[in-house]
Amino acid sequence: MLGDMLELGAGERQWHAELGRFAAGCGLDLLVCVGRLAGEVASGAEAAGMAASRVRRYPGAQACAADVAAWCRREDTVLLKGSRGTALERVLASILEHFSDLPKEER
């Protein structure tokens, strides 16, 4: 999950597209793009060959929190990265809540 990188200045669109291109080569099963520039990240990933069916776009963390939690399985590894202002901790909280019935060592 990649959230907006804030305060990049005039090159923000270019840097977000470059991040998407990089992510496409990382062997991810799913790329979740969150924030105002999510489309730039997603477009960069798709331009680099990542299938559009493996890319999701959301305008903000709250909008994607329930979806992501529902997709997660216990054996999944979820990586979250974004500026603090993107509030990806909301998604993390939703994932943890989804698995709250599991013993703590299995979450």
N, C-alpha and C. Protein backbone atom coordinates (compact mmCIF):
# COMPACT_ATOMS: atom_id res chain seq x y z
N MET A 1 0.84 -1.16 0.00
CA MET A 1 0.00 0.00 0.00
C MET A 1 0.89 1.23 0.00
N LEU A 2 0.71 2.07 -0.98
CA LEU A 2 1.49 3.28 -1.10
C LEU A 2 0.59 4.50 -1.02
N GLY A 3 0.88 5.35 -0.06
CA GLY A 3 0.15 6.60 0.10
C GLY A 3 0.94 7.76 -0.48
N ASP A 4 0.27 8.88 -0.60
CA ASP A 4 0.92 10.08 -1.14
C ASP A 4 2.20 10.41 -0.39
N MET A 5 3.19 10.85 -1.16
CA MET A 5 4.40 11.43 -0.59
C MET A 5 4.19 12.94 -0.66
N LEU A 6 4.05 13.55 0.48
CA LEU A 6 3.73 14.97 0.52
C LEU A 6 4.98 15.83 0.47
N GLU A 7 4.80 17.07 0.10
CA GLU A 7 5.85 18.09 0.10
C GLU A 7 6.99 17.81 -0.87
N LEU A 8 6.68 17.25 -2.04
CA LEU A 8 7.70 17.01 -3.06
C LEU A 8 7.84 18.18 -4.02
N GLY A 9 6.90 19.08 -3.99
CA GLY A 9 7.00 20.25 -4.85
C GLY A 9 6.54 19.99 -6.28
N ALA A 10 7.12 20.74 -7.21
CA ALA A 10 6.67 20.74 -8.60
C ALA A 10 6.77 19.37 -9.27
N GLY A 11 7.67 18.51 -8.83
CA GLY A 11 7.84 17.21 -9.46
C GLY A 11 7.02 16.09 -8.85
N GLU A 12 6.01 16.44 -8.04
CA GLU A 12 5.28 15.42 -7.30
C GLU A 12 4.63 14.37 -8.20
N ARG A 13 4.06 14.77 -9.29
CA ARG A 13 3.41 13.80 -10.19
C ARG A 13 4.44 12.83 -10.78
N GLN A 14 5.54 13.37 -11.21
CA GLN A 14 6.61 12.55 -11.78
C GLN A 14 7.15 11.54 -10.76
N TRP A 15 7.38 11.98 -9.53
CA TRP A 15 7.91 11.10 -8.50
C TRP A 15 6.91 10.00 -8.12
N HIS A 16 5.64 10.33 -8.10
CA HIS A 16 4.63 9.32 -7.80
C HIS A 16 4.53 8.29 -8.92
N ALA A 17 4.61 8.73 -10.16
CA ALA A 17 4.60 7.80 -11.29
C ALA A 17 5.83 6.90 -11.24
N GLU A 18 6.97 7.47 -10.90
CA GLU A 18 8.21 6.69 -10.78
C GLU A 18 8.07 5.64 -9.67
N LEU A 19 7.46 6.01 -8.58
CA LEU A 19 7.21 5.05 -7.49
C LEU A 19 6.36 3.89 -8.00
N GLY A 20 5.34 4.20 -8.78
CA GLY A 20 4.50 3.14 -9.35
C GLY A 20 5.29 2.23 -10.27
N ARG A 21 6.16 2.80 -11.09
CA ARG A 21 6.99 1.98 -11.98
C ARG A 21 7.90 1.06 -11.16
N PHE A 22 8.47 1.59 -10.09
CA PHE A 22 9.31 0.78 -9.22
C PHE A 22 8.50 -0.35 -8.59
N ALA A 23 7.34 -0.02 -8.07
CA ALA A 23 6.49 -1.01 -7.39
C ALA A 23 6.11 -2.15 -8.34
N ALA A 24 5.91 -1.83 -9.60
CA ALA A 24 5.52 -2.85 -10.58
C ALA A 24 6.57 -3.95 -10.70
N GLY A 25 7.81 -3.63 -10.44
CA GLY A 25 8.88 -4.61 -10.55
C GLY A 25 9.19 -5.34 -9.26
N CYS A 26 8.40 -5.16 -8.24
CA CYS A 26 8.69 -5.74 -6.92
C CYS A 26 8.00 -7.07 -6.65
N GLY A 27 7.25 -7.58 -7.60
CA GLY A 27 6.60 -8.87 -7.40
C GLY A 27 5.40 -8.84 -6.47
N LEU A 28 4.73 -7.72 -6.40
CA LEU A 28 3.56 -7.58 -5.52
C LEU A 28 2.36 -8.31 -6.09
N ASP A 29 1.57 -8.89 -5.22
CA ASP A 29 0.31 -9.50 -5.65
C ASP A 29 -0.74 -8.43 -5.92
N LEU A 30 -0.70 -7.36 -5.12
CA LEU A 30 -1.68 -6.29 -5.22
C LEU A 30 -1.01 -4.98 -4.82
N LEU A 31 -1.29 -3.94 -5.55
CA LEU A 31 -0.80 -2.60 -5.22
C LEU A 31 -2.00 -1.72 -4.91
N VAL A 32 -2.04 -1.20 -3.70
CA VAL A 32 -3.11 -0.30 -3.28
C VAL A 32 -2.51 1.10 -3.21
N CYS A 33 -3.09 2.02 -3.97
CA CYS A 33 -2.60 3.39 -4.06
C CYS A 33 -3.61 4.31 -3.37
N VAL A 34 -3.10 5.12 -2.43
CA VAL A 34 -3.99 5.91 -1.59
C VAL A 34 -3.60 7.38 -1.62
N GLY A 35 -4.60 8.24 -1.85
CA GLY A 35 -4.37 9.67 -1.76
C GLY A 35 -4.68 10.42 -3.03
N ARG A 36 -4.42 11.70 -2.97
CA ARG A 36 -4.69 12.60 -4.09
C ARG A 36 -3.91 12.21 -5.34
N LEU A 37 -2.72 11.64 -5.16
CA LEU A 37 -1.88 11.26 -6.29
C LEU A 37 -1.86 9.76 -6.54
N ALA A 38 -2.85 9.06 -6.01
CA ALA A 38 -2.94 7.61 -6.20
C ALA A 38 -2.98 7.24 -7.68
N GLY A 39 -3.65 8.03 -8.47
CA GLY A 39 -3.73 7.75 -9.90
C GLY A 39 -2.38 7.79 -10.59
N GLU A 40 -1.50 8.67 -10.14
CA GLU A 40 -0.16 8.75 -10.72
C GLU A 40 0.64 7.49 -10.41
N VAL A 41 0.56 7.02 -9.17
CA VAL A 41 1.26 5.80 -8.77
C VAL A 41 0.70 4.62 -9.57
N ALA A 42 -0.61 4.50 -9.61
CA ALA A 42 -1.25 3.40 -10.33
C ALA A 42 -0.91 3.43 -11.81
N SER A 43 -0.96 4.59 -12.42
CA SER A 43 -0.63 4.71 -13.84
C SER A 43 0.81 4.32 -14.11
N GLY A 44 1.72 4.73 -13.22
CA GLY A 44 3.11 4.34 -13.38
C GLY A 44 3.30 2.84 -13.30
N ALA A 45 2.61 2.19 -12.37
CA ALA A 45 2.71 0.74 -12.23
C ALA A 45 2.16 0.04 -13.47
N GLU A 46 1.02 0.50 -13.94
CA GLU A 46 0.42 -0.11 -15.13
C GLU A 46 1.28 0.12 -16.37
N ALA A 47 1.87 1.30 -16.50
CA ALA A 47 2.74 1.59 -17.63
C ALA A 47 3.99 0.70 -17.62
N ALA A 48 4.39 0.26 -16.42
CA ALA A 48 5.56 -0.60 -16.29
C ALA A 48 5.21 -2.09 -16.40
N GLY A 49 3.95 -2.37 -16.70
CA GLY A 49 3.55 -3.75 -16.96
C GLY A 49 2.73 -4.44 -15.89
N MET A 50 2.42 -3.77 -14.81
CA MET A 50 1.58 -4.40 -13.79
C MET A 50 0.13 -4.41 -14.30
N ALA A 51 -0.50 -5.56 -14.20
CA ALA A 51 -1.88 -5.69 -14.68
C ALA A 51 -2.81 -4.76 -13.90
N ALA A 52 -3.68 -4.09 -14.62
CA ALA A 52 -4.63 -3.17 -13.98
C ALA A 52 -5.51 -3.88 -12.96
N SER A 53 -5.74 -5.16 -13.14
CA SER A 53 -6.56 -5.94 -12.19
C SER A 53 -5.86 -6.11 -10.84
N ARG A 54 -4.57 -5.82 -10.77
CA ARG A 54 -3.81 -5.95 -9.53
C ARG A 54 -3.51 -4.60 -8.89
N VAL A 55 -4.16 -3.55 -9.38
CA VAL A 55 -3.93 -2.19 -8.88
C VAL A 55 -5.26 -1.61 -8.42
N ARG A 56 -5.29 -1.05 -7.21
CA ARG A 56 -6.49 -0.40 -6.68
C ARG A 56 -6.15 1.04 -6.33
N ARG A 57 -7.10 1.94 -6.55
CA ARG A 57 -6.93 3.36 -6.24
C ARG A 57 -7.99 3.80 -5.25
N TYR A 58 -7.57 4.58 -4.25
CA TYR A 58 -8.49 5.13 -3.27
C TYR A 58 -8.14 6.58 -3.00
N PRO A 59 -9.15 7.42 -2.79
CA PRO A 59 -8.88 8.84 -2.53
C PRO A 59 -8.29 9.10 -1.15
N GLY A 60 -8.49 8.19 -0.21
CA GLY A 60 -7.97 8.38 1.14
C GLY A 60 -7.97 7.09 1.92
N ALA A 61 -7.30 7.11 3.07
CA ALA A 61 -7.15 5.91 3.90
C ALA A 61 -8.49 5.38 4.38
N GLN A 62 -9.36 6.26 4.80
CA GLN A 62 -10.66 5.81 5.32
C GLN A 62 -11.45 5.07 4.25
N ALA A 63 -11.35 5.53 3.02
CA ALA A 63 -12.10 4.91 1.92
C ALA A 63 -11.65 3.48 1.65
N CYS A 64 -10.39 3.17 1.90
CA CYS A 64 -9.92 1.82 1.57
C CYS A 64 -9.81 0.89 2.77
N ALA A 65 -9.92 1.40 3.97
CA ALA A 65 -9.66 0.60 5.17
C ALA A 65 -10.49 -0.68 5.24
N ALA A 66 -11.78 -0.59 5.04
CA ALA A 66 -12.64 -1.77 5.13
C ALA A 66 -12.36 -2.76 4.01
N ASP A 67 -12.14 -2.26 2.80
CA ASP A 67 -11.85 -3.15 1.67
C ASP A 67 -10.58 -3.95 1.92
N VAL A 68 -9.53 -3.25 2.30
CA VAL A 68 -8.24 -3.93 2.50
C VAL A 68 -8.34 -4.96 3.61
N ALA A 69 -8.98 -4.63 4.70
CA ALA A 69 -9.14 -5.59 5.80
C ALA A 69 -9.89 -6.83 5.33
N ALA A 70 -10.89 -6.66 4.50
CA ALA A 70 -11.67 -7.80 4.00
C ALA A 70 -10.84 -8.69 3.06
N TRP A 71 -9.89 -8.10 2.34
CA TRP A 71 -9.06 -8.88 1.41
C TRP A 71 -7.98 -9.68 2.13
N CYS A 72 -7.53 -9.19 3.27
CA CYS A 72 -6.38 -9.77 3.95
C CYS A 72 -6.68 -11.15 4.50
N ARG A 73 -5.68 -12.00 4.35
CA ARG A 73 -5.70 -13.32 4.97
C ARG A 73 -4.60 -13.34 6.02
N ARG A 74 -4.71 -14.24 6.94
CA ARG A 74 -3.76 -14.29 8.04
C ARG A 74 -2.32 -14.42 7.56
N GLU A 75 -2.08 -15.14 6.48
CA GLU A 75 -0.72 -15.38 6.00
C GLU A 75 -0.16 -14.25 5.12
N ASP A 76 -0.94 -13.24 4.85
CA ASP A 76 -0.49 -12.13 4.00
C ASP A 76 0.52 -11.24 4.71
N THR A 77 1.38 -10.65 3.92
CA THR A 77 2.26 -9.60 4.40
C THR A 77 1.78 -8.30 3.77
N VAL A 78 1.52 -7.32 4.59
CA VAL A 78 1.03 -6.03 4.11
C VAL A 78 2.08 -4.97 4.43
N LEU A 79 2.53 -4.27 3.42
CA LEU A 79 3.49 -3.19 3.59
C LEU A 79 2.77 -1.87 3.37
N LEU A 80 2.93 -0.95 4.30
CA LEU A 80 2.30 0.36 4.20
C LEU A 80 3.38 1.43 4.21
N LYS A 81 3.31 2.35 3.24
CA LYS A 81 4.26 3.45 3.20
C LYS A 81 3.58 4.68 2.62
N GLY A 82 3.70 5.77 3.34
CA GLY A 82 3.15 7.03 2.88
C GLY A 82 3.47 8.12 3.87
N SER A 83 3.32 9.34 3.46
CA SER A 83 3.53 10.45 4.38
C SER A 83 2.53 10.38 5.52
N ARG A 84 2.92 10.90 6.64
CA ARG A 84 2.06 10.91 7.83
C ARG A 84 0.68 11.49 7.53
N GLY A 85 0.64 12.49 6.68
CA GLY A 85 -0.62 13.14 6.34
C GLY A 85 -1.59 12.24 5.59
N THR A 86 -1.13 11.13 5.05
CA THR A 86 -2.00 10.20 4.33
C THR A 86 -2.79 9.33 5.29
N ALA A 87 -2.33 9.22 6.53
CA ALA A 87 -3.05 8.52 7.61
C ALA A 87 -3.27 7.03 7.35
N LEU A 88 -2.25 6.36 6.83
CA LEU A 88 -2.39 4.93 6.57
C LEU A 88 -2.56 4.12 7.85
N GLU A 89 -2.30 4.72 9.00
CA GLU A 89 -2.53 4.00 10.26
C GLU A 89 -4.00 3.63 10.41
N ARG A 90 -4.89 4.34 9.73
CA ARG A 90 -6.32 3.97 9.76
C ARG A 90 -6.54 2.62 9.10
N VAL A 91 -5.79 2.37 8.04
CA VAL A 91 -5.90 1.08 7.36
C VAL A 91 -5.33 -0.02 8.26
N LEU A 92 -4.19 0.25 8.86
CA LEU A 92 -3.60 -0.71 9.78
C LEU A 92 -4.57 -1.05 10.91
N ALA A 93 -5.20 -0.05 11.48
CA ALA A 93 -6.17 -0.29 12.55
C ALA A 93 -7.32 -1.17 12.08
N SER A 94 -7.77 -0.95 10.86
CA SER A 94 -8.86 -1.76 10.32
C SER A 94 -8.42 -3.21 10.12
N ILE A 95 -7.20 -3.41 9.65
CA ILE A 95 -6.68 -4.77 9.47
C ILE A 95 -6.56 -5.47 10.82
N LEU A 96 -6.01 -4.79 11.81
CA LEU A 96 -5.87 -5.38 13.13
C LEU A 96 -7.22 -5.71 13.75
N GLU A 97 -8.19 -4.84 13.54
CA GLU A 97 -9.54 -5.10 14.05
C GLU A 97 -10.14 -6.32 13.37
N HIS A 98 -9.90 -6.46 12.08
CA HIS A 98 -10.41 -7.61 11.32
C HIS A 98 -9.91 -8.93 11.91
N PHE A 99 -8.69 -8.92 12.41
CA PHE A 99 -8.09 -10.13 12.98
C PHE A 99 -8.09 -10.14 14.50
N SER A 100 -8.90 -9.31 15.12
CA SER A 100 -8.90 -9.18 16.58
C SER A 100 -9.33 -10.46 17.30
N ASP A 101 -10.01 -11.37 16.61
CA ASP A 101 -10.43 -12.61 17.25
C ASP A 101 -9.29 -13.63 17.34
N LEU A 102 -8.18 -13.37 16.66
CA LEU A 102 -7.02 -14.27 16.72
C LEU A 102 -6.19 -13.97 17.96
N PRO A 103 -5.52 -14.97 18.49
CA PRO A 103 -4.59 -14.69 19.60
C PRO A 103 -3.54 -13.67 19.15
N LYS A 104 -3.09 -12.86 20.05
CA LYS A 104 -2.17 -11.76 19.73
C LYS A 104 -0.94 -12.23 18.94
N GLU A 105 -0.38 -13.38 19.29
CA GLU A 105 0.82 -13.85 18.59
C GLU A 105 0.55 -14.29 17.15
N GLU A 106 -0.71 -14.44 16.76
CA GLU A 106 -1.06 -14.83 15.40
C GLU A 106 -1.49 -13.68 14.52
N ARG A 107 -1.60 -12.47 15.09
CA ARG A 107 -2.04 -11.32 14.31
C ARG A 107 -0.94 -10.80 13.43
